[in-house]
């Protein structure tokens, strides 16, 4: 990972908050969010540690050890398991913290929103062996799970407490156990939200 990519990802993450609050960028608020916003703090330090993890310099590796320890303490405190190096595109947002588990082989697209109790889980054997892939602008409501080698399309809304075990096409709303398609047009859900979901 190059430094420009790191800065771009951090910028995309922070822009979700600016859109939510309809405010302009200010350095003071940006720094404050690093330490006092649970969602932005975990993603910020995740980005830094993931960047350092790609470097071979001995000094950087020692710095990574220290920062990884601090990051893992933050993970335990917030109840968000987001392994360093997981492929997460820009704009990820945790609406609430607590019992969020993401498998390290999962792939998360742009502007994905995760509520508390969400899981992206791996299946180790069988037809669905593997980890989930989430498209762009996916919203997972509280308690929802996506398990196995499942591809979730863009603009998909996963209802609370749903368990998704099969691929979902773009622009759908799904719910249930196992999850089924409730609507093939999620556009009304996103209208007026500017890709910021509460």
Protein backbone atom coordinates (compact mmCIF):
# COMPACT_ATOMS: atom_id res chain seq x y z
CA UNK A 1 0.00 0.00 0.00
CA UNK A 2 1.28 3.46 -0.89
CA UNK A 3 0.89 6.53 1.31
CA UNK A 4 -1.46 8.18 -1.20
CA UNK A 5 -3.80 5.20 -0.99
CA UNK A 6 -3.74 5.34 2.81
CA UNK A 7 -4.58 9.06 2.84
CA UNK A 8 -7.34 8.55 0.29
CA UNK A 9 -8.97 5.81 2.39
CA UNK A 10 -8.81 7.93 5.57
CA UNK A 11 -10.31 10.87 3.66
CA UNK A 12 -13.18 8.72 2.34
CA UNK A 13 -13.88 7.40 5.86
CA UNK A 14 -13.98 10.90 7.30
CA UNK A 15 -16.18 12.28 4.51
CA UNK A 16 -19.03 10.04 5.74
CA UNK A 17 -19.11 12.09 8.93
CA UNK A 18 -18.88 15.41 7.12
CA UNK A 19 -21.89 14.43 4.98
CA UNK A 20 -23.81 13.29 8.04
CA UNK A 21 -23.23 16.58 9.84
CA UNK A 22 -23.31 18.71 6.66
CA UNK A 23 -20.08 20.43 7.75
CA UNK A 24 -16.78 21.41 6.19
CA UNK A 25 -13.41 19.86 7.02
CA UNK A 26 -11.63 21.32 10.07
CA UNK A 27 -8.37 19.93 11.42
CA UNK A 28 -9.41 20.30 15.06
CA UNK A 29 -12.57 18.22 14.60
CA UNK A 30 -10.67 15.67 12.52
CA UNK A 31 -8.09 15.11 15.28
CA UNK A 32 -10.82 15.04 17.95
CA UNK A 33 -12.66 12.29 16.04
CA UNK A 34 -9.51 10.14 15.99
CA UNK A 35 -9.66 9.97 19.79
CA UNK A 36 -13.34 10.50 20.66
CA UNK A 37 -15.42 8.96 17.84
CA UNK A 38 -15.57 5.19 18.35
CA UNK A 39 -16.34 4.42 14.70
CA UNK A 40 -13.80 6.78 13.15
CA UNK A 41 -11.15 5.93 15.74
CA UNK A 42 -11.25 2.20 15.00
CA UNK A 43 -11.15 2.74 11.23
CA UNK A 44 -8.38 5.37 11.46
CA UNK A 45 -6.05 3.12 13.49
CA UNK A 46 -7.03 0.11 11.36
CA UNK A 47 -5.88 2.06 8.28
CA UNK A 48 -2.58 3.10 9.90
CA UNK A 49 -1.79 -0.44 11.12
CA UNK A 50 -2.77 -2.00 7.78
CA UNK A 51 -0.45 0.46 6.01
CA UNK A 52 2.45 -0.29 8.36
CA UNK A 53 1.79 -4.02 7.93
CA UNK A 54 2.77 -3.73 4.24
CA UNK A 55 6.25 -2.37 5.04
CA UNK A 56 9.43 -4.38 5.69
CA UNK A 57 11.55 -1.71 7.42
CA UNK A 58 12.68 -2.96 10.85
CA UNK A 59 11.80 0.33 12.56
CA UNK A 60 8.32 0.27 10.98
CA UNK A 61 7.81 -3.35 12.08
CA UNK A 62 8.63 -2.39 15.67
CA UNK A 63 6.27 0.58 15.46
CA UNK A 64 3.59 -1.75 14.09
CA UNK A 65 3.99 -4.05 17.12
CA UNK A 66 3.30 -1.15 19.46
CA UNK A 67 0.43 0.27 17.41
CA UNK A 68 -1.10 -3.19 16.91
CA UNK A 69 -1.20 -3.68 20.68
CA UNK A 70 -2.99 -0.34 21.12
CA UNK A 71 -5.34 -1.15 18.21
CA UNK A 72 -6.23 -4.54 19.68
CA UNK A 73 -6.99 -2.94 23.04
CA UNK A 74 -9.31 -0.56 21.18
CA UNK A 75 -10.94 -3.54 19.40
CA UNK A 76 -11.64 -5.27 22.71
CA UNK A 77 -12.91 -2.07 24.31
CA UNK A 78 -15.35 -1.37 21.45
CA UNK A 79 -16.27 -4.98 20.69
CA UNK A 80 -15.29 -4.62 17.03
CA UNK A 81 -13.12 -7.36 15.54
CA UNK A 82 -11.57 -5.95 12.36
CA UNK A 83 -8.27 -7.77 11.66
CA UNK A 84 -5.37 -5.66 10.38
CA UNK A 85 -4.98 -6.07 6.63
CA UNK A 86 -8.62 -6.93 5.88
CA UNK A 87 -9.64 -5.49 2.49
CA UNK A 88 -11.92 -2.58 3.38
CA UNK A 89 -12.60 0.16 0.84
CA UNK A 90 -13.15 3.79 1.86
CA UNK A 91 -16.14 5.18 3.69
CA UNK A 92 -16.82 2.31 6.09
CA UNK A 93 -18.97 3.35 9.06
CA UNK A 94 -19.86 1.59 12.29
CA UNK A 95 -23.12 3.15 13.45
CA UNK A 96 -22.82 1.58 16.89
CA UNK A 97 -20.14 -0.52 18.45
CA UNK A 98 -20.40 -3.89 20.15
CA UNK A 99 -20.09 -7.48 18.94
CA UNK A 100 -19.11 -6.74 15.35
CA UNK A 101 -17.01 -9.59 13.93
CA UNK A 102 -15.36 -9.45 10.50
CA UNK A 103 -13.38 -12.38 9.12
CA UNK A 104 -9.93 -11.32 7.88
CA UNK A 105 -10.58 -12.72 4.38
CA UNK A 106 -13.77 -10.73 3.89
CA UNK A 107 -13.86 -7.93 1.33
CA UNK A 108 -15.86 -4.77 2.09
CA UNK A 109 -16.78 -2.26 -0.62
CA UNK A 110 -17.14 1.52 -0.46
CA UNK A 111 -19.50 3.29 1.95
CA UNK A 112 -20.58 0.16 3.81
CA UNK A 113 -22.52 0.69 7.04
CA UNK A 114 -22.43 -1.85 9.87
CA UNK A 115 -24.64 -1.72 12.95
CA UNK A 116 -24.01 -3.54 16.22
CA UNK A 117 -24.13 -7.32 16.31
CA UNK A 118 -23.13 -7.79 12.65
CA UNK A 119 -20.96 -10.69 11.51
CA UNK A 120 -19.06 -11.40 8.31
CA UNK A 121 -18.14 -15.03 8.92
CA UNK A 122 -16.10 -17.71 7.21
CA UNK A 123 -17.20 -21.25 6.35
CA UNK A 124 -14.30 -23.72 6.36
CA UNK A 125 -15.73 -26.66 4.40
CA UNK A 126 -18.40 -27.44 1.82
CA UNK A 127 -19.97 -25.69 -1.16
CA UNK A 128 -19.95 -22.26 0.46
CA UNK A 129 -16.39 -22.47 1.79
CA UNK A 130 -14.85 -19.00 2.09
CA UNK A 131 -15.63 -15.49 3.29
CA UNK A 132 -18.15 -12.80 2.28
CA UNK A 133 -17.67 -10.07 -0.31
CA UNK A 134 -19.78 -6.94 0.19
CA UNK A 135 -20.39 -4.52 -2.68
CA UNK A 136 -20.63 -0.73 -2.42
CA UNK A 137 -23.28 1.07 -0.32
CA UNK A 138 -24.33 -2.03 1.61
CA UNK A 139 -26.17 -1.53 4.89
CA UNK A 140 -26.21 -4.28 7.53
CA UNK A 141 -28.71 -3.61 10.30
CA UNK A 142 -28.30 -4.88 13.90
CA UNK A 143 -27.72 -8.59 14.35
CA UNK A 144 -27.44 -9.40 10.65
CA UNK A 145 -24.98 -12.04 9.48
CA UNK A 146 -23.38 -12.86 6.13
CA UNK A 147 -21.68 -16.25 6.24
CA UNK A 148 -19.47 -18.09 3.76
CA UNK A 149 -18.41 -17.37 0.20
CA UNK A 150 -21.37 -15.05 -0.41
CA UNK A 151 -21.33 -12.07 -2.77
CA UNK A 152 -23.55 -9.14 -1.81
CA UNK A 153 -24.25 -6.70 -4.65
CA UNK A 154 -24.20 -2.89 -4.56
CA UNK A 155 -26.94 -0.88 -2.80
CA UNK A 156 -28.15 -3.85 -0.76
CA UNK A 157 -29.97 -3.46 2.56
CA UNK A 158 -29.81 -6.42 4.98
CA UNK A 159 -32.58 -6.30 7.59
CA UNK A 160 -31.98 -6.76 11.31
CA UNK A 161 -31.24 -10.30 12.52
CA UNK A 162 -31.09 -11.72 9.00
CA UNK A 163 -28.73 -14.56 8.06
CA UNK A 164 -27.48 -14.38 4.47
CA UNK A 165 -26.04 -17.60 3.06
CA UNK A 166 -26.55 -17.06 -0.71
CA UNK A 167 -25.48 -14.42 -3.22
CA UNK A 168 -27.64 -11.29 -3.37
CA UNK A 169 -27.86 -9.19 -6.58
CA UNK A 170 -27.61 -5.38 -6.72
CA UNK A 171 -30.35 -3.08 -5.40
CA UNK A 172 -32.14 -5.57 -3.14
CA UNK A 173 -33.58 -5.50 0.35
CA UNK A 174 -33.26 -8.86 2.11
CA UNK A 175 -34.45 -10.26 5.42
CA UNK A 176 -35.17 -13.44 7.34
CA UNK A 177 -33.45 -16.66 8.38
CA UNK A 178 -32.29 -17.72 5.91
CA UNK A 179 -32.48 -14.34 4.19
CA UNK A 180 -34.67 -13.96 1.12
CA UNK A 181 -35.21 -11.03 -1.21
CA UNK A 182 -38.00 -8.78 0.07
CA UNK A 183 -37.62 -6.12 -2.63
CA UNK A 184 -35.60 -5.81 -5.82
CA UNK A 185 -35.57 -2.01 -5.61
CA UNK A 186 -33.66 -0.55 -2.67
CA UNK A 187 -33.48 2.94 -4.25
CA UNK A 188 -36.21 4.40 -2.02
CA UNK A 189 -34.12 3.47 1.02
CA UNK A 190 -31.12 5.47 -0.21
CA UNK A 191 -32.96 8.55 -1.57
CA UNK A 192 -32.02 11.66 0.40
CA UNK A 193 -29.46 9.89 2.56
CA UNK A 194 -26.36 10.82 0.49
CA UNK A 195 -24.96 7.37 1.22
CA UNK A 196 -24.99 8.16 4.92
CA UNK A 197 -27.18 5.71 6.81
CA UNK A 198 -28.07 6.22 10.44
